Amino acid sequence: FMTLMAIGRTPDEFAAAVQWFGIINWNTMYRDQD
């Protein structure tokens, strides 16, 4: 989640990114998760 936030909110800070099983959308998370 932090990786996705970083490349979205601060797009000039990081030149490459890898995210494993991160959250993009808390609304669909709330709908679908355990």
PDB file of all heavy atoms in Angstrom:
ATOM      1  N   PHE A   1       0.830  -1.207   0.000  1.00  0.00           N
ATOM      2  CA  PHE A   1       0.000   0.000   0.000  1.00  0.00           C
ATOM      3  C   PHE A   1       0.865   1.257   0.000  1.00  0.00           C
ATOM      4  O   PHE A   1       0.630   2.201  -0.771  1.00  0.00           O
ATOM      5  CB  PHE A   1      -0.919  -0.020   1.219  1.00  0.00           C
ATOM      6  CG  PHE A   1      -1.468   1.322   1.620  1.00  0.00           C
ATOM      7  CD1 PHE A   1      -2.562   1.863   0.960  1.00  0.00           C
ATOM      8  CD2 PHE A   1      -0.887   2.041   2.656  1.00  0.00           C
ATOM      9  CE1 PHE A   1      -3.067   3.107   1.324  1.00  0.00           C
ATOM     10  CE2 PHE A   1      -1.386   3.281   3.028  1.00  0.00           C
ATOM     11  CZ  PHE A   1      -2.473   3.815   2.358  1.00  0.00           C
ATOM     12  N   MET A   2       1.880   1.274   0.875  1.00  0.00           N
ATOM     13  CA  MET A   2       2.755   2.449   0.944  1.00  0.00           C
ATOM     14  C   MET A   2       3.502   2.653  -0.366  1.00  0.00           C
ATOM     15  O   MET A   2       3.733   3.791  -0.801  1.00  0.00           O
ATOM     16  CB  MET A   2       3.740   2.276   2.108  1.00  0.00           C
ATOM     17  CG  MET A   2       3.091   2.393   3.468  1.00  0.00           C
ATOM     18  SD  MET A   2       2.645   4.081   3.886  1.00  0.00           S
ATOM     19  CE  MET A   2       4.247   4.713   4.337  1.00  0.00           C
ATOM     20  N   THR A   3       3.876   1.551  -1.018  1.00  0.00           N
ATOM     21  CA  THR A   3       4.539   1.660  -2.318  1.00  0.00           C
ATOM     22  C   THR A   3       3.618   2.312  -3.337  1.00  0.00           C
ATOM     23  O   THR A   3       4.032   3.216  -4.086  1.00  0.00           O
ATOM     24  CB  THR A   3       4.974   0.258  -2.785  1.00  0.00           C
ATOM     25  OG1 THR A   3       5.930  -0.265  -1.851  1.00  0.00           O
ATOM     26  CG2 THR A   3       5.582   0.297  -4.174  1.00  0.00           C
ATOM     27  N   LEU A   4       2.365   1.877  -3.376  1.00  0.00           N
ATOM     28  CA  LEU A   4       1.403   2.467  -4.314  1.00  0.00           C
ATOM     29  C   LEU A   4       1.124   3.926  -3.977  1.00  0.00           C
ATOM     30  O   LEU A   4       1.031   4.777  -4.878  1.00  0.00           O
ATOM     31  CB  LEU A   4       0.113   1.655  -4.297  1.00  0.00           C
ATOM     32  CG  LEU A   4       0.228   0.217  -4.823  1.00  0.00           C
ATOM     33  CD1 LEU A   4      -1.080  -0.532  -4.598  1.00  0.00           C
ATOM     34  CD2 LEU A   4       0.601   0.207  -6.297  1.00  0.00           C
ATOM     35  N   MET A   5       0.992   4.234  -2.699  1.00  0.00           N
ATOM     36  CA  MET A   5       0.790   5.628  -2.299  1.00  0.00           C
ATOM     37  C   MET A   5       1.986   6.484  -2.711  1.00  0.00           C
ATOM     38  O   MET A   5       1.827   7.617  -3.192  1.00  0.00           O
ATOM     39  CB  MET A   5       0.579   5.726  -0.788  1.00  0.00           C
ATOM     40  CG  MET A   5      -0.862   5.593  -0.346  1.00  0.00           C
ATOM     41  SD  MET A   5      -1.895   6.921  -1.020  1.00  0.00           S
ATOM     42  CE  MET A   5      -2.988   7.251   0.328  1.00  0.00           C
ATOM     43  N   ALA A   6       3.182   5.935  -2.530  1.00  0.00           N
ATOM     44  CA  ALA A   6       4.392   6.710  -2.824  1.00  0.00           C
ATOM     45  C   ALA A   6       4.480   7.069  -4.302  1.00  0.00           C
ATOM     46  O   ALA A   6       4.794   8.214  -4.656  1.00  0.00           O
ATOM     47  CB  ALA A   6       5.626   5.928  -2.388  1.00  0.00           C
ATOM     48  N   ILE A   7       4.208   6.100  -5.195  1.00  0.00           N
ATOM     49  CA  ILE A   7       4.351   6.412  -6.624  1.00  0.00           C
ATOM     50  C   ILE A   7       3.177   7.240  -7.131  1.00  0.00           C
ATOM     51  O   ILE A   7       3.287   7.883  -8.184  1.00  0.00           O
ATOM     52  CB  ILE A   7       4.522   5.132  -7.470  1.00  0.00           C
ATOM     53  CG1 ILE A   7       3.273   4.250  -7.430  1.00  0.00           C
ATOM     54  CG2 ILE A   7       5.759   4.366  -7.018  1.00  0.00           C
ATOM     55  CD1 ILE A   7       3.332   3.063  -8.383  1.00  0.00           C
ATOM     56  N   GLY A   8       2.082   7.274  -6.365  1.00  0.00           N
ATOM     57  CA  GLY A   8       0.950   8.107  -6.754  1.00  0.00           C
ATOM     58  C   GLY A   8       1.006   9.507  -6.187  1.00  0.00           C
ATOM     59  O   GLY A   8       0.854  10.496  -6.918  1.00  0.00           O
ATOM     60  N   ARG A   9       1.270   9.631  -4.886  1.00  0.00           N
ATOM     61  CA  ARG A   9       1.264  10.950  -4.237  1.00  0.00           C
ATOM     62  C   ARG A   9       2.587  11.697  -4.400  1.00  0.00           C
ATOM     63  O   ARG A   9       2.614  12.930  -4.350  1.00  0.00           O
ATOM     64  CB  ARG A   9       0.945  10.817  -2.740  1.00  0.00           C
ATOM     65  CG  ARG A   9      -0.466  10.348  -2.441  1.00  0.00           C
ATOM     66  CD  ARG A   9      -0.853  10.562  -0.990  1.00  0.00           C
ATOM     67  NE  ARG A   9      -1.270  11.934  -0.738  1.00  0.00           N
ATOM     68  CZ  ARG A   9      -1.793  12.356   0.418  1.00  0.00           C
ATOM     69  NH1 ARG A   9      -1.925  11.504   1.420  1.00  0.00           N
ATOM     70  NH2 ARG A   9      -2.149  13.609   0.571  1.00  0.00           N
ATOM     71  N   THR A  10       3.676  10.953  -4.554  1.00  0.00           N
ATOM     72  CA  THR A  10       4.993  11.592  -4.733  1.00  0.00           C
ATOM     73  C   THR A  10       5.669  10.971  -5.958  1.00  0.00           C
ATOM     74  O   THR A  10       6.685  10.275  -5.837  1.00  0.00           O
ATOM     75  CB  THR A  10       5.865  11.419  -3.473  1.00  0.00           C
ATOM     76  OG1 THR A  10       6.047  10.020  -3.209  1.00  0.00           O
ATOM     77  CG2 THR A  10       5.210  12.066  -2.267  1.00  0.00           C
ATOM     78  N   PRO A  11       5.140  11.204  -7.142  1.00  0.00           N
ATOM     79  CA  PRO A  11       5.575  10.459  -8.325  1.00  0.00           C
ATOM     80  C   PRO A  11       7.000  10.738  -8.768  1.00  0.00           C
ATOM     81  O   PRO A  11       7.550   9.967  -9.562  1.00  0.00           O
ATOM     82  CB  PRO A  11       4.572  10.890  -9.392  1.00  0.00           C
ATOM     83  CG  PRO A  11       4.069  12.222  -8.944  1.00  0.00           C
ATOM     84  CD  PRO A  11       4.046  12.153  -7.451  1.00  0.00           C
ATOM     85  N   ASP A  12       7.625  11.816  -8.286  1.00  0.00           N
ATOM     86  CA  ASP A  12       8.994  12.127  -8.692  1.00  0.00           C
ATOM     87  C   ASP A  12      10.043  11.623  -7.707  1.00  0.00           C
ATOM     88  O   ASP A  12      11.242  11.827  -7.919  1.00  0.00           O
ATOM     89  CB  ASP A  12       9.151  13.641  -8.870  1.00  0.00           C
ATOM     90  CG  ASP A  12       8.281  14.172 -10.002  1.00  0.00           C
ATOM     91  OD1 ASP A  12       8.234  13.518 -11.058  1.00  0.00           O
ATOM     92  OD2 ASP A  12       7.627  15.217  -9.818  1.00  0.00           O
ATOM     93  N   GLU A  13       9.595  10.961  -6.625  1.00  0.00           N
ATOM     94  CA  GLU A  13      10.544  10.523  -5.598  1.00  0.00           C
ATOM     95  C   GLU A  13      11.179   9.171  -5.915  1.00  0.00           C
ATOM     96  O   GLU A  13      12.328   8.923  -5.557  1.00  0.00           O
ATOM     97  CB  GLU A  13       9.854  10.450  -4.225  1.00  0.00           C
ATOM     98  CG  GLU A  13       9.428  11.793  -3.663  1.00  0.00           C
ATOM     99  CD  GLU A  13      10.599  12.639  -3.177  1.00  0.00           C
ATOM    100  OE1 GLU A  13      11.731  12.127  -3.127  1.00  0.00           O
ATOM    101  OE2 GLU A  13      10.374  13.810  -2.842  1.00  0.00           O
ATOM    102  N   PHE A  14      10.437   8.273  -6.563  1.00  0.00           N
ATOM    103  CA  PHE A  14      10.912   6.900  -6.720  1.00  0.00           C
ATOM    104  C   PHE A  14      10.921   6.516  -8.191  1.00  0.00           C
ATOM    105  O   PHE A  14       9.933   6.697  -8.905  1.00  0.00           O
ATOM    106  CB  PHE A  14      10.047   5.940  -5.906  1.00  0.00           C
ATOM    107  CG  PHE A  14      10.090   6.239  -4.433  1.00  0.00           C
ATOM    108  CD1 PHE A  14       9.068   6.961  -3.818  1.00  0.00           C
ATOM    109  CD2 PHE A  14      11.169   5.834  -3.665  1.00  0.00           C
ATOM    110  CE1 PHE A  14       9.111   7.253  -2.468  1.00  0.00           C
ATOM    111  CE2 PHE A  14      11.227   6.132  -2.308  1.00  0.00           C
ATOM    112  CZ  PHE A  14      10.203   6.840  -1.703  1.00  0.00           C
ATOM    113  N   ALA A  15      12.043   5.939  -8.627  1.00  0.00           N
ATOM    114  CA  ALA A  15      12.250   5.654 -10.048  1.00  0.00           C
ATOM    115  C   ALA A  15      11.741   4.285 -10.464  1.00  0.00           C
ATOM    116  O   ALA A  15      11.596   4.023 -11.665  1.00  0.00           O
ATOM    117  CB  ALA A  15      13.739   5.764 -10.373  1.00  0.00           C
ATOM    118  N   ALA A  16      11.478   3.407  -9.514  1.00  0.00           N
ATOM    119  CA  ALA A  16      10.950   2.075  -9.812  1.00  0.00           C
ATOM    120  C   ALA A  16      10.288   1.551  -8.553  1.00  0.00           C
ATOM    121  O   ALA A  16      10.635   1.959  -7.432  1.00  0.00           O
ATOM    122  CB  ALA A  16      12.055   1.124 -10.270  1.00  0.00           C
ATOM    123  N   ALA A  17       9.342   0.627  -8.736  1.00  0.00           N
ATOM    124  CA  ALA A  17       8.588   0.139  -7.588  1.00  0.00           C
ATOM    125  C   ALA A  17       8.201  -1.317  -7.787  1.00  0.00           C
ATOM    126  O   ALA A  17       7.927  -1.757  -8.900  1.00  0.00           O
ATOM    127  CB  ALA A  17       7.327   0.992  -7.380  1.00  0.00           C
ATOM    128  N   VAL A  18       8.184  -2.044  -6.674  1.00  0.00           N
ATOM    129  CA  VAL A  18       7.657  -3.405  -6.628  1.00  0.00           C
ATOM    130  C   VAL A  18       6.738  -3.488  -5.425  1.00  0.00           C
ATOM    131  O   VAL A  18       7.128  -3.094  -4.308  1.00  0.00           O
ATOM    132  CB  VAL A  18       8.775  -4.453  -6.504  1.00  0.00           C
ATOM    133  CG1 VAL A  18       8.175  -5.862  -6.414  1.00  0.00           C
ATOM    134  CG2 VAL A  18       9.745  -4.364  -7.677  1.00  0.00           C
ATOM    135  N   GLN A  19       5.525  -3.964  -5.665  1.00  0.00           N
ATOM    136  CA  GLN A  19       4.612  -4.145  -4.541  1.00  0.00           C
ATOM    137  C   GLN A  19       4.042  -5.552  -4.581  1.00  0.00           C
ATOM    138  O   GLN A  19       3.630  -6.053  -5.621  1.00  0.00           O
ATOM    139  CB  GLN A  19       3.512  -3.074  -4.550  1.00  0.00           C
ATOM    140  CG  GLN A  19       2.451  -3.199  -5.611  1.00  0.00           C
ATOM    141  CD  GLN A  19       1.205  -3.942  -5.120  1.00  0.00           C
ATOM    142  OE1 GLN A  19       1.056  -4.219  -3.935  1.00  0.00           O
ATOM    143  NE2 GLN A  19       0.308  -4.238  -6.045  1.00  0.00           N
ATOM    144  N   TRP A  20       4.044  -6.182  -3.397  1.00  0.00           N
ATOM    145  CA  TRP A  20       3.455  -7.497  -3.226  1.00  0.00           C
ATOM    146  C   TRP A  20       2.164  -7.349  -2.415  1.00  0.00           C
ATOM    147  O   TRP A  20       2.161  -6.760  -1.333  1.00  0.00           O
ATOM    148  CB  TRP A  20       4.399  -8.423  -2.471  1.00  0.00           C
ATOM    149  CG  TRP A  20       5.665  -8.790  -3.188  1.00  0.00           C
ATOM    150  CD1 TRP A  20       6.102  -8.351  -4.408  1.00  0.00           C
ATOM    151  CD2 TRP A  20       6.676  -9.688  -2.714  1.00  0.00           C
ATOM    152  NE1 TRP A  20       7.304  -8.914  -4.721  1.00  0.00           N
ATOM    153  CE2 TRP A  20       7.684  -9.754  -3.705  1.00  0.00           C
ATOM    154  CE3 TRP A  20       6.827 -10.453  -1.563  1.00  0.00           C
ATOM    155  CZ2 TRP A  20       8.836 -10.537  -3.557  1.00  0.00           C
ATOM    156  CZ3 TRP A  20       7.953 -11.241  -1.417  1.00  0.00           C
ATOM    157  CH2 TRP A  20       8.949 -11.282  -2.401  1.00  0.00           C
ATOM    158  N   PHE A  21       1.091  -7.841  -2.946  1.00  0.00           N
ATOM    159  CA  PHE A  21      -0.232  -7.896  -2.285  1.00  0.00           C
ATOM    160  C   PHE A  21      -0.550  -6.633  -1.469  1.00  0.00           C
ATOM    161  O   PHE A  21      -0.864  -6.693  -0.291  1.00  0.00           O
ATOM    162  CB  PHE A  21      -0.391  -9.166  -1.442  1.00  0.00           C
ATOM    163  CG  PHE A  21       0.834  -9.615  -0.664  1.00  0.00           C
ATOM    164  CD1 PHE A  21       1.113  -9.135   0.603  1.00  0.00           C
ATOM    165  CD2 PHE A  21       1.700 -10.545  -1.213  1.00  0.00           C
ATOM    166  CE1 PHE A  21       2.212  -9.562   1.313  1.00  0.00           C
ATOM    167  CE2 PHE A  21       2.819 -10.987  -0.507  1.00  0.00           C
ATOM    168  CZ  PHE A  21       3.075 -10.489   0.764  1.00  0.00           C
ATOM    169  N   GLY A  22      -0.470  -5.486  -2.149  1.00  0.00           N
ATOM    170  CA  GLY A  22      -0.777  -4.212  -1.514  1.00  0.00           C
ATOM    171  C   GLY A  22      -2.185  -3.739  -1.823  1.00  0.00           C
ATOM    172  O   GLY A  22      -2.864  -4.251  -2.714  1.00  0.00           O
ATOM    173  N   ILE A  23      -2.627  -2.722  -1.098  1.00  0.00           N
ATOM    174  CA  ILE A  23      -3.999  -2.207  -1.188  1.00  0.00           C
ATOM    175  C   ILE A  23      -4.034  -0.983  -2.084  1.00  0.00           C
ATOM    176  O   ILE A  23      -3.250  -0.044  -1.892  1.00  0.00           O
ATOM    177  CB  ILE A  23      -4.546  -1.829   0.205  1.00  0.00           C
ATOM    178  CG1 ILE A  23      -4.501  -3.033   1.150  1.00  0.00           C
ATOM    179  CG2 ILE A  23      -5.953  -1.260   0.108  1.00  0.00           C
ATOM    180  CD1 ILE A  23      -3.368  -3.000   2.139  1.00  0.00           C
ATOM    181  N   ILE A  24      -4.931  -0.973  -3.055  1.00  0.00           N
ATOM    182  CA  ILE A  24      -5.156   0.209  -3.882  1.00  0.00           C
ATOM    183  C   ILE A  24      -6.429   0.937  -3.491  1.00  0.00           C
ATOM    184  O   ILE A  24      -6.523   2.152  -3.617  1.00  0.00           O
ATOM    185  CB  ILE A  24      -5.211  -0.176  -5.389  1.00  0.00           C
ATOM    186  CG1 ILE A  24      -5.447   1.074  -6.255  1.00  0.00           C
ATOM    187  CG2 ILE A  24      -6.264  -1.233  -5.670  1.00  0.00           C
ATOM    188  CD1 ILE A  24      -5.441   0.802  -7.746  1.00  0.00           C
ATOM    189  N   ASN A  25      -7.421   0.223  -2.963  1.00  0.00           N
ATOM    190  CA  ASN A  25      -8.764   0.788  -2.820  1.00  0.00           C
ATOM    191  C   ASN A  25      -9.378   0.256  -1.527  1.00  0.00           C
ATOM    192  O   ASN A  25      -9.783  -0.907  -1.446  1.00  0.00           O
ATOM    193  CB  ASN A  25      -9.601   0.375  -4.034  1.00  0.00           C
ATOM    194  CG  ASN A  25     -10.989   0.972  -4.039  1.00  0.00           C
ATOM    195  OD1 ASN A  25     -11.481   1.449  -3.023  1.00  0.00           O
ATOM    196  ND2 ASN A  25     -11.634   0.932  -5.188  1.00  0.00           N
ATOM    197  N   TRP A  26      -9.451   1.106  -0.506  1.00  0.00           N
ATOM    198  CA  TRP A  26      -9.977   0.659   0.779  1.00  0.00           C
ATOM    199  C   TRP A  26     -11.464   0.316   0.708  1.00  0.00           C
ATOM    200  O   TRP A  26     -11.954  -0.477   1.523  1.00  0.00           O
ATOM    201  CB  TRP A  26      -9.726   1.705   1.856  1.00  0.00           C
ATOM    202  CG  TRP A  26      -8.284   1.827   2.255  1.00  0.00           C
ATOM    203  CD1 TRP A  26      -7.430   2.855   1.982  1.00  0.00           C
ATOM    204  CD2 TRP A  26      -7.516   0.876   3.005  1.00  0.00           C
ATOM    205  NE1 TRP A  26      -6.187   2.612   2.504  1.00  0.00           N
ATOM    206  CE2 TRP A  26      -6.207   1.406   3.138  1.00  0.00           C
ATOM    207  CE3 TRP A  26      -7.801  -0.368   3.573  1.00  0.00           C
ATOM    208  CZ2 TRP A  26      -5.201   0.731   3.823  1.00  0.00           C
ATOM    209  CZ3 TRP A  26      -6.795  -1.043   4.253  1.00  0.00           C
ATOM    210  CH2 TRP A  26      -5.516  -0.495   4.376  1.00  0.00           C
ATOM    211  N   ASN A  27     -12.180   0.878  -0.226  1.00  0.00           N
ATOM    212  CA  ASN A  27     -13.606   0.550  -0.358  1.00  0.00           C
ATOM    213  C   ASN A  27     -13.795  -0.888  -0.831  1.00  0.00           C
ATOM    214  O   ASN A  27     -14.587  -1.646  -0.246  1.00  0.00           O
ATOM    215  CB  ASN A  27     -14.286   1.515  -1.331  1.00  0.00           C
ATOM    216  CG  ASN A  27     -14.528   2.876  -0.717  1.00  0.00           C
ATOM    217  OD1 ASN A  27     -15.417   3.070   0.103  1.00  0.00           O
ATOM    218  ND2 ASN A  27     -13.712   3.844  -1.110  1.00  0.00           N
ATOM    219  N   THR A  28     -13.094  -1.285  -1.886  1.00  0.00           N
ATOM    220  CA  THR A  28     -13.230  -2.666  -2.346  1.00  0.00           C
ATOM    221  C   THR A  28     -12.550  -3.632  -1.381  1.00  0.00           C
ATOM    222  O   THR A  28     -12.970  -4.792  -1.267  1.00  0.00           O
ATOM    223  CB  THR A  28     -12.662  -2.832  -3.764  1.00  0.00           C
ATOM    224  OG1 THR A  28     -11.318  -2.306  -3.815  1.00  0.00           O
ATOM    225  CG2 THR A  28     -13.528  -2.110  -4.780  1.00  0.00           C
ATOM    226  N   MET A  29     -11.530  -3.189  -0.670  1.00  0.00           N
ATOM    227  CA  MET A  29     -10.945  -4.013   0.384  1.00  0.00           C
ATOM    228  C   MET A  29     -12.001  -4.348   1.426  1.00  0.00           C
ATOM    229  O   MET A  29     -12.155  -5.502   1.847  1.00  0.00           O
ATOM    230  CB  MET A  29      -9.789  -3.273   1.055  1.00  0.00           C
ATOM    231  CG  MET A  29      -8.436  -3.558   0.468  1.00  0.00           C
ATOM    232  SD  MET A  29      -7.755  -5.173   0.957  1.00  0.00           S
ATOM    233  CE  MET A  29      -7.289  -4.835   2.643  1.00  0.00           C
ATOM    234  N   TYR A  30     -12.728  -3.323   1.860  1.00  0.00           N
ATOM    235  CA  TYR A  30     -13.739  -3.531   2.902  1.00  0.00           C
ATOM    236  C   TYR A  30     -14.835  -4.471   2.419  1.00  0.00           C
ATOM    237  O   TYR A  30     -15.357  -5.281   3.185  1.00  0.00           O
ATOM    238  CB  TYR A  30     -14.334  -2.188   3.321  1.00  0.00           C
ATOM    239  CG  TYR A  30     -15.135  -2.251   4.601  1.00  0.00           C
ATOM    240  CD1 TYR A  30     -14.485  -2.263   5.827  1.00  0.00           C
ATOM    241  CD2 TYR A  30     -16.523  -2.315   4.588  1.00  0.00           C
ATOM    242  CE1 TYR A  30     -15.205  -2.330   7.011  1.00  0.00           C
ATOM    243  CE2 TYR A  30     -17.243  -2.384   5.763  1.00  0.00           C
ATOM    244  CZ  TYR A  30     -16.586  -2.396   6.973  1.00  0.00           C
ATOM    245  OH  TYR A  30     -17.298  -2.476   8.144  1.00  0.00           O
ATOM    246  N   ARG A  31     -15.143  -4.388   1.159  1.00  0.00           N
ATOM    247  CA  ARG A  31     -16.189  -5.251   0.594  1.00  0.00           C
ATOM    248  C   ARG A  31     -15.733  -6.708   0.494  1.00  0.00           C
ATOM    249  O   ARG A  31     -16.519  -7.627   0.758  1.00  0.00           O
ATOM    250  CB  ARG A  31     -16.550  -4.738  -0.803  1.00  0.00           C
ATOM    251  CG  ARG A  31     -17.643  -5.524  -1.523  1.00  0.00           C
ATOM    252  CD  ARG A  31     -17.698  -5.108  -2.985  1.00  0.00           C
ATOM    253  NE  ARG A  31     -16.508  -5.560  -3.729  1.00  0.00           N
ATOM    254  CZ  ARG A  31     -16.142  -5.080  -4.913  1.00  0.00           C
ATOM    255  NH1 ARG A  31     -16.843  -4.116  -5.493  1.00  0.00           N
ATOM    256  NH2 ARG A  31     -15.066  -5.564  -5.515  1.00  0.00           N
ATOM    257  N   ASP A  32     -14.460  -6.948   0.157  1.00  0.00           N
ATOM    258  CA  ASP A  32     -14.025  -8.279  -0.268  1.00  0.00           C
ATOM    259  C   ASP A  32     -13.220  -9.057   0.763  1.00  0.00           C
ATOM    260  O   ASP A  32     -13.105 -10.276   0.651  1.00  0.00           O
ATOM    261  CB  ASP A  32     -13.171  -8.159  -1.534  1.00  0.00           C
ATOM    262  CG  ASP A  32     -13.948  -7.584  -2.710  1.00  0.00           C
ATOM    263  OD1 ASP A  32     -15.188  -7.657  -2.699  1.00  0.00           O
ATOM    264  OD2 ASP A  32     -13.293  -7.049  -3.632  1.00  0.00           O
ATOM    265  N   GLN A  33     -12.625  -8.400   1.757  1.00  0.00           N
ATOM    266  CA  GLN A  33     -11.663  -9.092   2.601  1.00  0.00           C
ATOM    267  C   GLN A  33     -12.344  -9.910   3.700  1.00  0.00           C
ATOM    268  O   GLN A  33     -13.546  -9.819   3.932  1.00  0.00           O
ATOM    269  CB  GLN A  33     -10.695  -8.086   3.226  1.00  0.00           C
ATOM    270  CG  GLN A  33     -11.346  -7.174   4.260  1.00  0.00           C
ATOM    271  CD  GLN A  33     -10.405  -6.099   4.752  1.00  0.00           C
ATOM    272  OE1 GLN A  33      -9.280  -6.341   5.091  1.00  0.00           O
ATOM    273  NE2 GLN A  33     -10.863  -4.874   4.781  1.00  0.00           N
ATOM    274  N   ASP A  34     -11.538 -10.709   4.388  1.00  0.00           N
ATOM    275  CA  ASP A  34     -12.015 -11.504   5.509  1.00  0.00           C
ATOM    276  C   ASP A  34     -12.590 -10.611   6.608  1.00  0.00           C
ATOM    277  O   ASP A  34     -12.138  -9.484   6.818  1.00  0.00           O
ATOM    278  CB  ASP A  34     -10.851 -12.334   6.064  1.00  0.00           C
ATOM    279  CG  ASP A  34     -11.267 -13.216   7.222  1.00  0.00           C
ATOM    280  OD1 ASP A  34     -11.921 -14.234   6.969  1.00  0.00           O
ATOM    281  OD2 ASP A  34     -10.948 -12.867   8.379  1.00  0.00           O
TER     282      ASP A  34
END
